[in-house]
Amino acid sequence: MIEYVKGTLIDISTQYVVIDHQGLGYQIYCPNPYVYQSDLEKDCLIYTYHYVREDLIRLYGFKTKDERALFEKLLNVSGIGPKGALAILASGQPEHVVQAIEEEDEAFLIKFPGVGKKTARQIILDLKGKLDEFAPNLLKQEALTFKPSTKENNELLEALEALRALGYVEKELKKVKPKLEEEEMTIDAYIKKALQLMLKG
């Protein structure tokens, strides 16, 4: 297993980042690639999960070991694949996911793309009581660094595109867009705000 990749962050897309390590570019899929925006063209360390199947080989990356561990736990749930697990973690608040599982809050879980009532129930059955060790560390989230927009709605457009890549549909995005337009944020902050609004809606 590849424990982590450390190198220069040279590219950020809606689904993945690219790390250059000694001339070799690693494409790493992340829950929210824009959390690494402040690291662009700088040295960066990303904890990785090497996913290998007959039809797919990918590296998935995370800010912390705890986020990676929760991703692995979610992969063990029947009906949850890498894309679904990433979408759940993309809210930037995995501690809320842990809380919902422990409290058997199906209504919270079914708001994530690809998670229906059956899958939400399966997540709770498989993981309740097995995530306590993650909660304290997941509460320690890194503070966002504010970066004013240099182009009109450019950050918001990028954020909406990232949400589409995660599986959210236009109907869901249209509901939250007006509230997002009221504020000037970084791409990462827009994504987190949108996910919070959709989870509450």
Protein backbone atom coordinates (compact mmCIF):
# COMPACT_ATOMS: atom_id res chain seq x y z
CA MET A 1 0.00 0.00 0.00
CA ILE A 2 1.16 3.56 -0.72
CA GLU A 3 0.98 5.28 2.68
CA TYR A 4 1.32 8.81 1.35
CA VAL A 5 2.61 10.89 -1.55
CA LYS A 6 4.81 13.89 -0.87
CA GLY A 7 5.85 16.31 -3.59
CA THR A 8 4.95 19.52 -5.40
CA LEU A 9 1.26 20.12 -6.03
CA ILE A 10 1.13 21.13 -9.69
CA ASP A 11 -2.55 20.86 -10.65
CA ILE A 12 -6.03 20.90 -9.08
CA SER A 13 -9.17 19.74 -10.91
CA THR A 14 -12.76 19.18 -9.82
CA GLN A 15 -12.03 15.55 -8.93
CA TYR A 16 -8.31 15.14 -8.33
CA VAL A 17 -4.96 16.78 -7.69
CA VAL A 18 -1.61 16.05 -9.32
CA ILE A 19 1.53 15.73 -7.20
CA ASP A 20 4.96 15.79 -8.84
CA HIS A 21 7.39 13.55 -6.98
CA GLN A 22 10.85 13.45 -8.56
CA GLY A 23 9.45 13.90 -12.05
CA LEU A 24 6.61 11.40 -11.64
CA GLY A 25 3.09 12.84 -11.57
CA TYR A 26 0.62 11.16 -9.21
CA GLN A 27 -3.07 11.69 -10.00
CA ILE A 28 -4.86 11.53 -6.65
CA TYR A 29 -8.67 11.62 -6.35
CA CYS A 30 -9.86 13.57 -3.30
CA PRO A 31 -13.19 14.26 -1.56
CA ASN A 32 -12.67 17.98 -2.15
CA PRO A 33 -9.51 18.77 -4.15
CA TYR A 34 -9.86 22.49 -3.46
CA VAL A 35 -8.82 22.07 0.19
CA TYR A 36 -5.31 21.96 -1.27
CA GLN A 37 -5.66 25.26 -3.13
CA SER A 38 -3.28 27.09 -0.78
CA ASP A 39 -0.65 24.40 -1.47
CA LEU A 40 -0.57 24.90 -5.25
CA GLU A 41 3.04 24.90 -6.52
CA LYS A 42 4.25 24.05 -3.00
CA ASP A 43 5.40 20.86 -1.31
CA CYS A 44 2.42 18.89 -0.06
CA LEU A 45 1.81 15.57 1.70
CA ILE A 46 -1.37 13.61 1.00
CA TYR A 47 -2.31 10.38 2.79
CA THR A 48 -3.41 7.87 0.17
CA TYR A 49 -5.51 4.77 -0.33
CA HIS A 50 -4.51 2.58 -3.28
CA TYR A 51 -7.71 1.17 -4.78
CA VAL A 52 -7.22 -1.84 -7.04
CA ARG A 53 -9.95 -3.70 -8.91
CA GLU A 54 -9.96 -5.57 -12.22
CA ASP A 55 -11.41 -2.58 -14.05
CA LEU A 56 -10.02 0.30 -11.98
CA ILE A 57 -6.76 1.31 -10.31
CA ARG A 58 -6.73 4.68 -8.55
CA LEU A 59 -5.09 6.59 -5.75
CA TYR A 60 -7.46 8.36 -3.34
CA GLY A 61 -6.08 11.08 -1.12
CA PHE A 62 -6.93 12.66 2.22
CA LYS A 63 -5.79 15.46 4.51
CA THR A 64 -5.58 13.21 7.56
CA LYS A 65 -5.20 9.54 8.44
CA ASP A 66 -8.58 9.66 10.18
CA GLU A 67 -10.37 10.77 7.01
CA ARG A 68 -8.67 7.95 5.13
CA ALA A 69 -9.69 5.45 7.81
CA LEU A 70 -13.33 6.59 7.58
CA PHE A 71 -13.14 6.25 3.78
CA GLU A 72 -11.94 2.66 4.22
CA LYS A 73 -14.77 1.93 6.65
CA LEU A 74 -17.32 3.28 4.17
CA LEU A 75 -15.87 1.13 1.38
CA ASN A 76 -16.62 -1.95 3.47
CA VAL A 77 -20.33 -1.12 3.44
CA SER A 78 -22.35 -2.99 0.81
CA GLY A 79 -23.56 -0.52 -1.81
CA ILE A 80 -20.85 2.09 -1.19
CA GLY A 81 -18.06 2.45 -3.74
CA PRO A 82 -15.17 4.93 -3.89
CA LYS A 83 -17.26 7.64 -5.57
CA GLY A 84 -19.99 7.38 -2.94
CA ALA A 85 -17.49 7.38 -0.08
CA LEU A 86 -15.76 10.47 -1.50
CA ALA A 87 -19.10 12.29 -1.84
CA ILE A 88 -19.89 11.58 1.82
CA LEU A 89 -16.51 12.90 2.94
CA ALA A 90 -16.66 15.93 0.61
CA SER A 91 -18.82 17.89 3.04
CA GLY A 92 -15.64 18.64 4.94
CA GLN A 93 -17.38 17.63 8.16
CA PRO A 94 -16.82 13.88 8.59
CA GLU A 95 -17.55 14.24 12.30
CA HIS A 96 -21.19 14.91 11.36
CA VAL A 97 -21.24 11.69 9.35
CA VAL A 98 -19.93 9.78 12.38
CA GLN A 99 -22.58 11.43 14.57
CA ALA A 100 -25.37 10.57 12.12
CA ILE A 101 -24.28 6.93 12.04
CA GLU A 102 -24.11 6.69 15.83
CA GLU A 103 -27.52 8.35 16.21
CA GLU A 104 -29.05 6.26 13.37
CA ASP A 105 -29.97 9.45 11.51
CA GLU A 106 -30.99 8.01 8.13
CA ALA A 107 -32.47 11.34 7.00
CA PHE A 108 -29.01 12.94 7.18
CA LEU A 109 -27.27 10.15 5.29
CA ILE A 110 -29.74 9.89 2.39
CA LYS A 111 -28.95 13.50 1.41
CA PHE A 112 -25.62 12.37 -0.02
CA PRO A 113 -25.54 11.44 -3.75
CA GLY A 114 -26.15 7.74 -4.33
CA VAL A 115 -27.27 7.02 -0.77
CA GLY A 116 -30.86 5.80 -0.53
CA LYS A 117 -32.73 4.50 2.51
CA LYS A 118 -31.45 0.96 2.03
CA THR A 119 -27.82 2.07 1.80
CA ALA A 120 -28.20 4.47 4.74
CA ARG A 121 -29.58 1.63 6.86
CA GLN A 122 -26.69 -0.59 5.74
CA ILE A 123 -24.14 2.09 6.71
CA ILE A 124 -25.66 2.30 10.18
CA LEU A 125 -25.84 -1.48 10.60
CA ASP A 126 -22.24 -1.98 9.50
CA LEU A 127 -20.55 0.98 11.20
CA LYS A 128 -22.48 2.00 14.32
CA GLY A 129 -20.28 1.55 17.36
CA LYS A 130 -17.14 1.17 15.25
CA LEU A 131 -16.32 4.84 14.64
CA ASP A 132 -15.86 6.26 18.14
CA GLU A 133 -12.09 6.49 17.72
CA PHE A 134 -12.49 8.91 14.80
CA ALA A 135 -14.75 11.52 16.41
CA PRO A 136 -12.22 13.44 18.58
CA ASN A 137 -9.63 13.82 15.81
CA LEU A 138 -12.16 14.62 13.08
CA LEU A 139 -13.36 17.60 15.09
CA LYS A 140 -9.97 19.23 14.54
CA GLN A 141 -10.60 20.69 11.10
CA GLU A 142 -8.15 23.13 9.56
CA ALA A 143 -9.39 26.72 9.39
CA LEU A 144 -10.05 28.13 5.93
CA THR A 145 -7.86 30.92 4.63
CA PHE A 146 -9.98 33.62 3.03
CA LYS A 147 -9.03 34.59 -0.49
CA PRO A 148 -11.02 37.36 -2.19
CA SER A 149 -12.44 36.60 -5.61
CA THR A 150 -10.46 38.10 -8.48
CA LYS A 151 -13.12 37.30 -11.08
CA GLU A 152 -16.86 37.65 -10.79
CA ASN A 153 -18.30 34.37 -9.46
CA ASN A 154 -15.26 32.45 -10.75
CA GLU A 155 -14.83 30.60 -7.44
CA LEU A 156 -18.56 29.86 -7.26
CA LEU A 157 -18.61 28.46 -10.80
CA GLU A 158 -15.64 26.21 -10.00
CA ALA A 159 -17.34 25.06 -6.80
CA LEU A 160 -20.59 24.20 -8.62
CA GLU A 161 -18.62 22.24 -11.22
CA ALA A 162 -16.91 20.28 -8.45
CA LEU A 163 -20.30 19.48 -6.90
CA ARG A 164 -21.58 18.21 -10.26
CA ALA A 165 -18.53 15.95 -10.47
CA LEU A 166 -19.47 14.55 -7.07
CA GLY A 167 -22.93 13.60 -8.35
CA TYR A 168 -25.16 16.47 -7.28
CA VAL A 169 -27.80 17.42 -9.86
CA GLU A 170 -28.87 20.83 -11.16
CA LYS A 171 -32.11 20.83 -9.18
CA GLU A 172 -30.15 20.54 -5.92
CA LEU A 173 -27.59 23.15 -6.96
CA LYS A 174 -30.23 25.70 -8.02
CA LYS A 175 -31.75 25.58 -4.53
CA VAL A 176 -28.53 26.61 -2.82
CA LYS A 177 -27.00 28.89 -5.47
CA PRO A 178 -28.89 32.07 -4.42
CA LYS A 179 -27.59 31.80 -0.86
CA LEU A 180 -24.07 31.13 -2.09
CA GLU A 181 -24.18 34.22 -4.30
CA GLU A 182 -24.76 36.37 -1.22
CA GLU A 183 -21.21 35.71 -0.01
CA GLU A 184 -17.68 36.01 -1.38
CA MET A 185 -15.69 32.88 -0.55
CA THR A 186 -12.93 30.58 -1.66
CA ILE A 187 -13.85 27.60 -3.86
CA ASP A 188 -13.36 25.27 -0.89
CA ALA A 189 -15.61 27.40 1.32
CA TYR A 190 -18.35 27.53 -1.37
CA ILE A 191 -18.31 23.73 -1.65
CA LYS A 192 -18.55 23.22 2.09
CA LYS A 193 -21.31 25.84 2.41
CA ALA A 194 -23.30 24.27 -0.44
CA LEU A 195 -23.03 20.80 1.08
CA GLN A 196 -24.12 22.11 4.47
CA LEU A 197 -27.15 23.83 2.92
CA MET A 198 -28.15 20.71 0.98
CA LEU A 199 -27.81 18.52 4.05
CA LYS A 200 -30.05 20.85 6.01
CA GLY A 201 -32.58 21.24 3.20
